[in-house]
N, C-alpha and C. Protein backbone atom coordinates (compact mmCIF):
# COMPACT_ATOMS: atom_id res chain seq x y z
N MET A 1 0.36 13.84 0.36
CA MET A 1 0.89 13.63 1.72
C MET A 1 1.17 11.76 1.63
N ASN A 2 2.07 12.20 2.66
CA ASN A 2 3.32 10.58 2.53
C ASN A 2 2.68 10.12 3.77
N LEU A 3 2.87 8.81 3.85
CA LEU A 3 2.94 7.92 5.29
C LEU A 3 4.18 7.06 5.01
N VAL A 4 4.77 6.65 5.79
CA VAL A 4 5.30 5.69 6.07
C VAL A 4 5.04 3.85 7.03
N SER A 5 4.48 2.75 5.99
CA SER A 5 4.31 1.20 6.74
C SER A 5 4.77 0.87 7.97
N LYS A 6 4.05 0.50 8.45
CA LYS A 6 4.53 0.47 10.21
C LYS A 6 4.67 -1.57 10.06
N GLU A 7 5.46 -2.09 10.81
CA GLU A 7 5.49 -3.45 10.90
C GLU A 7 4.18 -3.73 11.16
N GLY A 8 3.27 -4.73 10.28
CA GLY A 8 2.28 -5.57 10.85
C GLY A 8 1.56 -4.74 9.77
N GLU A 9 1.54 -3.78 9.46
CA GLU A 9 0.46 -2.48 8.96
C GLU A 9 -0.43 -3.90 7.66
N ARG A 10 -1.98 -3.65 8.10
CA ARG A 10 -2.79 -3.43 7.04
C ARG A 10 -2.98 -2.27 6.07
N TRP A 11 -3.05 -2.82 4.74
CA TRP A 11 -4.19 -1.66 4.20
C TRP A 11 -5.67 -0.68 4.75
N ASP A 12 -6.21 -1.77 5.09
CA ASP A 12 -7.46 -1.41 6.03
C ASP A 12 -6.81 -0.42 7.30
N SER A 13 -5.73 -0.53 7.76
CA SER A 13 -5.74 0.09 8.78
C SER A 13 -4.58 1.32 8.55
N LEU A 14 -4.06 1.41 7.35
CA LEU A 14 -3.36 2.30 6.68
C LEU A 14 -4.28 3.42 5.99
N CYS A 15 -5.55 2.90 5.41
CA CYS A 15 -6.74 3.44 4.85
C CYS A 15 -7.35 4.18 6.37
N GLN A 16 -7.53 3.85 7.31
CA GLN A 16 -7.98 4.62 8.66
C GLN A 16 -6.91 5.67 8.82
N ARG A 17 -5.96 5.29 9.14
CA ARG A 17 -5.05 6.57 9.33
C ARG A 17 -4.65 7.57 8.12
N ALA A 18 -4.78 7.08 7.49
CA ALA A 18 -4.82 8.12 6.09
C ALA A 18 -6.08 9.35 6.00
N TYR A 19 -7.12 7.98 6.05
CA TYR A 19 -8.01 9.05 5.57
C TYR A 19 -9.38 9.20 6.87
N GLY A 20 -9.53 8.53 8.19
CA GLY A 20 -10.15 8.44 9.27
C GLY A 20 -11.18 7.57 8.61
N HIS A 21 -11.41 6.66 7.69
CA HIS A 21 -12.47 5.99 7.35
C HIS A 21 -11.82 5.02 6.36
N THR A 22 -12.45 4.05 6.58
CA THR A 22 -11.90 2.68 5.56
C THR A 22 -13.13 2.57 4.12
N SER A 23 -13.28 2.64 3.07
CA SER A 23 -13.97 2.28 1.94
C SER A 23 -13.22 1.39 0.97
N GLN A 24 -13.89 0.76 0.19
CA GLN A 24 -13.18 -0.14 -0.92
C GLN A 24 -12.64 0.96 -1.60
N SER A 25 -13.35 2.12 -2.26
CA SER A 25 -12.66 3.42 -3.47
C SER A 25 -11.14 3.84 -2.50
N ALA A 26 -11.43 4.12 -1.39
CA ALA A 26 -10.22 4.15 -0.87
C ALA A 26 -8.91 3.90 -0.59
N LEU A 27 -9.53 2.09 -0.61
CA LEU A 27 -8.35 1.02 -0.55
C LEU A 27 -8.00 0.99 -2.04
N ASP A 28 -9.03 1.11 -3.07
CA ASP A 28 -8.29 1.06 -4.33
C ASP A 28 -7.06 1.52 -5.06
N ALA A 29 -7.52 3.57 -3.98
CA ALA A 29 -6.77 4.39 -4.63
C ALA A 29 -5.22 4.26 -3.73
N LEU A 30 -5.19 4.05 -2.57
CA LEU A 30 -4.04 3.65 -2.21
C LEU A 30 -3.47 2.70 -2.82
N ARG A 31 -3.92 1.53 -2.85
CA ARG A 31 -3.24 0.65 -3.51
C ARG A 31 -3.14 0.79 -5.21
N ALA A 32 -3.39 1.64 -6.05
CA ALA A 32 -3.48 1.85 -7.42
C ALA A 32 -2.26 3.03 -6.82
N ALA A 33 -2.23 3.92 -6.01
CA ALA A 33 -0.97 4.99 -6.07
C ALA A 33 0.09 4.87 -5.59
N ASN A 34 0.40 2.81 -4.92
CA ASN A 34 1.25 2.49 -4.50
C ASN A 34 1.61 1.06 -5.00
N VAL A 35 1.65 1.12 -6.26
CA VAL A 35 1.59 -0.52 -7.18
C VAL A 35 2.87 -1.06 -6.66
N ALA A 36 3.99 -0.89 -6.36
CA ALA A 36 5.30 -1.24 -5.49
C ALA A 36 5.32 -2.33 -4.41
N ALA A 37 4.19 -1.06 -3.61
CA ALA A 37 3.89 -1.77 -2.73
C ALA A 37 3.51 -2.45 -2.28
N ALA A 38 2.16 -2.22 -3.14
CA ALA A 38 1.28 -3.90 -3.44
C ALA A 38 1.65 -5.10 -3.93
N ARG A 39 2.22 -4.64 -4.82
CA ARG A 39 2.74 -5.81 -5.49
C ARG A 39 4.02 -6.78 -4.11
N ALA A 40 4.70 -5.82 -3.45
CA ALA A 40 5.59 -6.31 -2.31
C ALA A 40 4.63 -6.71 -0.93
N SER A 41 3.81 -6.67 -1.59
CA SER A 41 2.59 -7.10 0.18
C SER A 41 2.50 -8.61 0.42
N LEU A 42 2.18 -8.30 1.48
CA LEU A 42 2.23 -10.37 1.73
C LEU A 42 0.76 -10.23 2.09
N GLY A 43 -0.13 -10.78 1.48
CA GLY A 43 -1.39 -10.68 1.38
C GLY A 43 -2.00 -9.25 1.90
N PHE A 44 -2.35 -8.92 2.53
CA PHE A 44 -3.13 -7.60 2.85
C PHE A 44 -2.16 -7.09 3.88
N VAL A 45 -1.05 -7.64 4.30
CA VAL A 45 -0.35 -6.70 4.87
C VAL A 45 1.26 -5.88 4.51
N LEU A 46 1.07 -4.63 4.41
CA LEU A 46 1.90 -3.81 3.40
C LEU A 46 3.34 -3.91 4.09
N PRO A 47 4.34 -4.30 2.93
CA PRO A 47 5.97 -4.46 3.70
C PRO A 47 6.34 -2.56 4.74
N THR A 48 7.02 -3.36 5.54
CA THR A 48 7.53 -2.49 6.56
C THR A 48 8.63 -1.31 6.00
N GLY A 49 8.47 -0.11 6.46
CA GLY A 49 9.23 0.90 5.81
C GLY A 49 8.68 1.83 4.74
N TYR A 50 7.64 1.34 3.52
CA TYR A 50 7.46 2.05 2.45
C TYR A 50 6.87 3.22 2.49
N VAL A 51 7.34 4.25 2.00
CA VAL A 51 6.85 5.12 2.01
C VAL A 51 5.19 5.19 1.14
N ILE A 52 4.61 5.45 1.76
CA ILE A 52 2.79 5.28 1.12
C ILE A 52 2.72 6.66 0.20
N THR A 53 2.52 6.84 -0.93
CA THR A 53 1.39 8.04 -1.42
C THR A 53 -0.18 8.00 -1.05
N VAL A 54 -0.48 9.05 -0.29
CA VAL A 54 -2.15 9.19 0.11
C VAL A 54 -2.49 10.22 -0.81
N PRO A 55 -2.88 9.79 -2.03
CA PRO A 55 -4.22 10.27 -2.97
C PRO A 55 -5.13 11.23 -2.61
N THR A 56 -5.36 12.31 -2.64
CA THR A 56 -6.77 12.68 -2.68
C THR A 56 -7.91 12.29 -2.87
N LEU A 57 -9.02 11.96 -1.89
CA LEU A 57 -9.91 11.30 -2.51
C LEU A 57 -11.13 11.90 -2.72
N PRO A 58 -12.40 11.55 -4.29
CA PRO A 58 -13.10 12.66 -4.40
C PRO A 58 -14.05 12.01 -3.09
N GLU A 59 -15.07 13.22 -3.58
CA GLU A 59 -16.10 13.29 -2.39
C GLU A 59 -16.77 12.47 -1.93
N ALA A 60 -17.50 11.80 -2.79
CA ALA A 60 -18.49 10.25 -3.31
C ALA A 60 -17.50 8.91 -2.59
N SER A 61 -16.80 8.63 -2.03
CA SER A 61 -15.96 8.01 -1.82
C SER A 61 -16.03 7.71 -0.39
N ALA A 62 -16.97 8.21 0.79
CA ALA A 62 -16.93 8.24 1.85
C ALA A 62 -17.62 6.73 2.48
N SER A 63 -18.26 5.98 1.46
CA SER A 63 -19.02 4.83 1.90
C SER A 63 -18.02 3.50 2.45
N THR A 64 -18.40 3.44 4.04
CA THR A 64 -17.57 2.85 5.05
C THR A 64 -17.86 0.77 4.46
N VAL A 65 -16.80 0.20 4.60
CA VAL A 65 -16.60 -0.99 4.66
C VAL A 65 -16.68 -1.55 5.75
N VAL A 66 -17.34 -2.96 5.97
CA VAL A 66 -17.06 -3.33 7.53
C VAL A 66 -16.04 -4.40 7.12
N MET A 67 -15.08 -4.19 7.94
CA MET A 67 -14.34 -5.60 7.15
C MET A 67 -14.22 -6.40 8.54
N GLU A 68 -14.61 -7.98 8.25
CA GLU A 68 -15.09 -9.07 9.52
C GLU A 68 -13.27 -9.46 9.97
N VAL A 69 -13.44 -9.72 10.86
CA VAL A 69 -12.25 -10.04 11.93
C VAL A 69 -11.92 -12.10 11.10
N ALA A 70 -11.18 -12.02 11.36
CA ALA A 70 -11.09 -14.14 11.27
C ALA A 70 -11.24 -14.59 12.20
N PRO A 71 -11.93 -16.02 12.11
CA PRO A 71 -12.03 -16.93 13.07
C PRO A 71 -10.75 -16.45 14.18
N TRP A 72 -10.04 -16.87 13.87
CA TRP A 72 -8.49 -17.09 14.43
C TRP A 72 -8.14 -15.73 15.03
N GLN A 73 -8.48 -14.84 14.79
CA GLN A 73 -8.01 -13.30 15.29
C GLN A 73 -9.29 -13.11 16.29
N ARG A 74 -9.99 -13.44 16.60
CA ARG A 74 -11.31 -13.09 17.92
C ARG A 74 -11.01 -13.15 18.90
């Protein structure tokens, strides 16, 4: 499956959109499958309009990662 990155989208929100959950293994799989987008990212924000390949995850990668919100985003 492929998705197109939206303006201002972060890797964790793309992971949520792609898999319905966010986990470290899912984030790692997305970034590994999309090296050019990972290199073009500004911090954790994806470049707009990149076609992102969404790899299939093994069953064991369903542990959820709690993402903290930076103080200025609260």
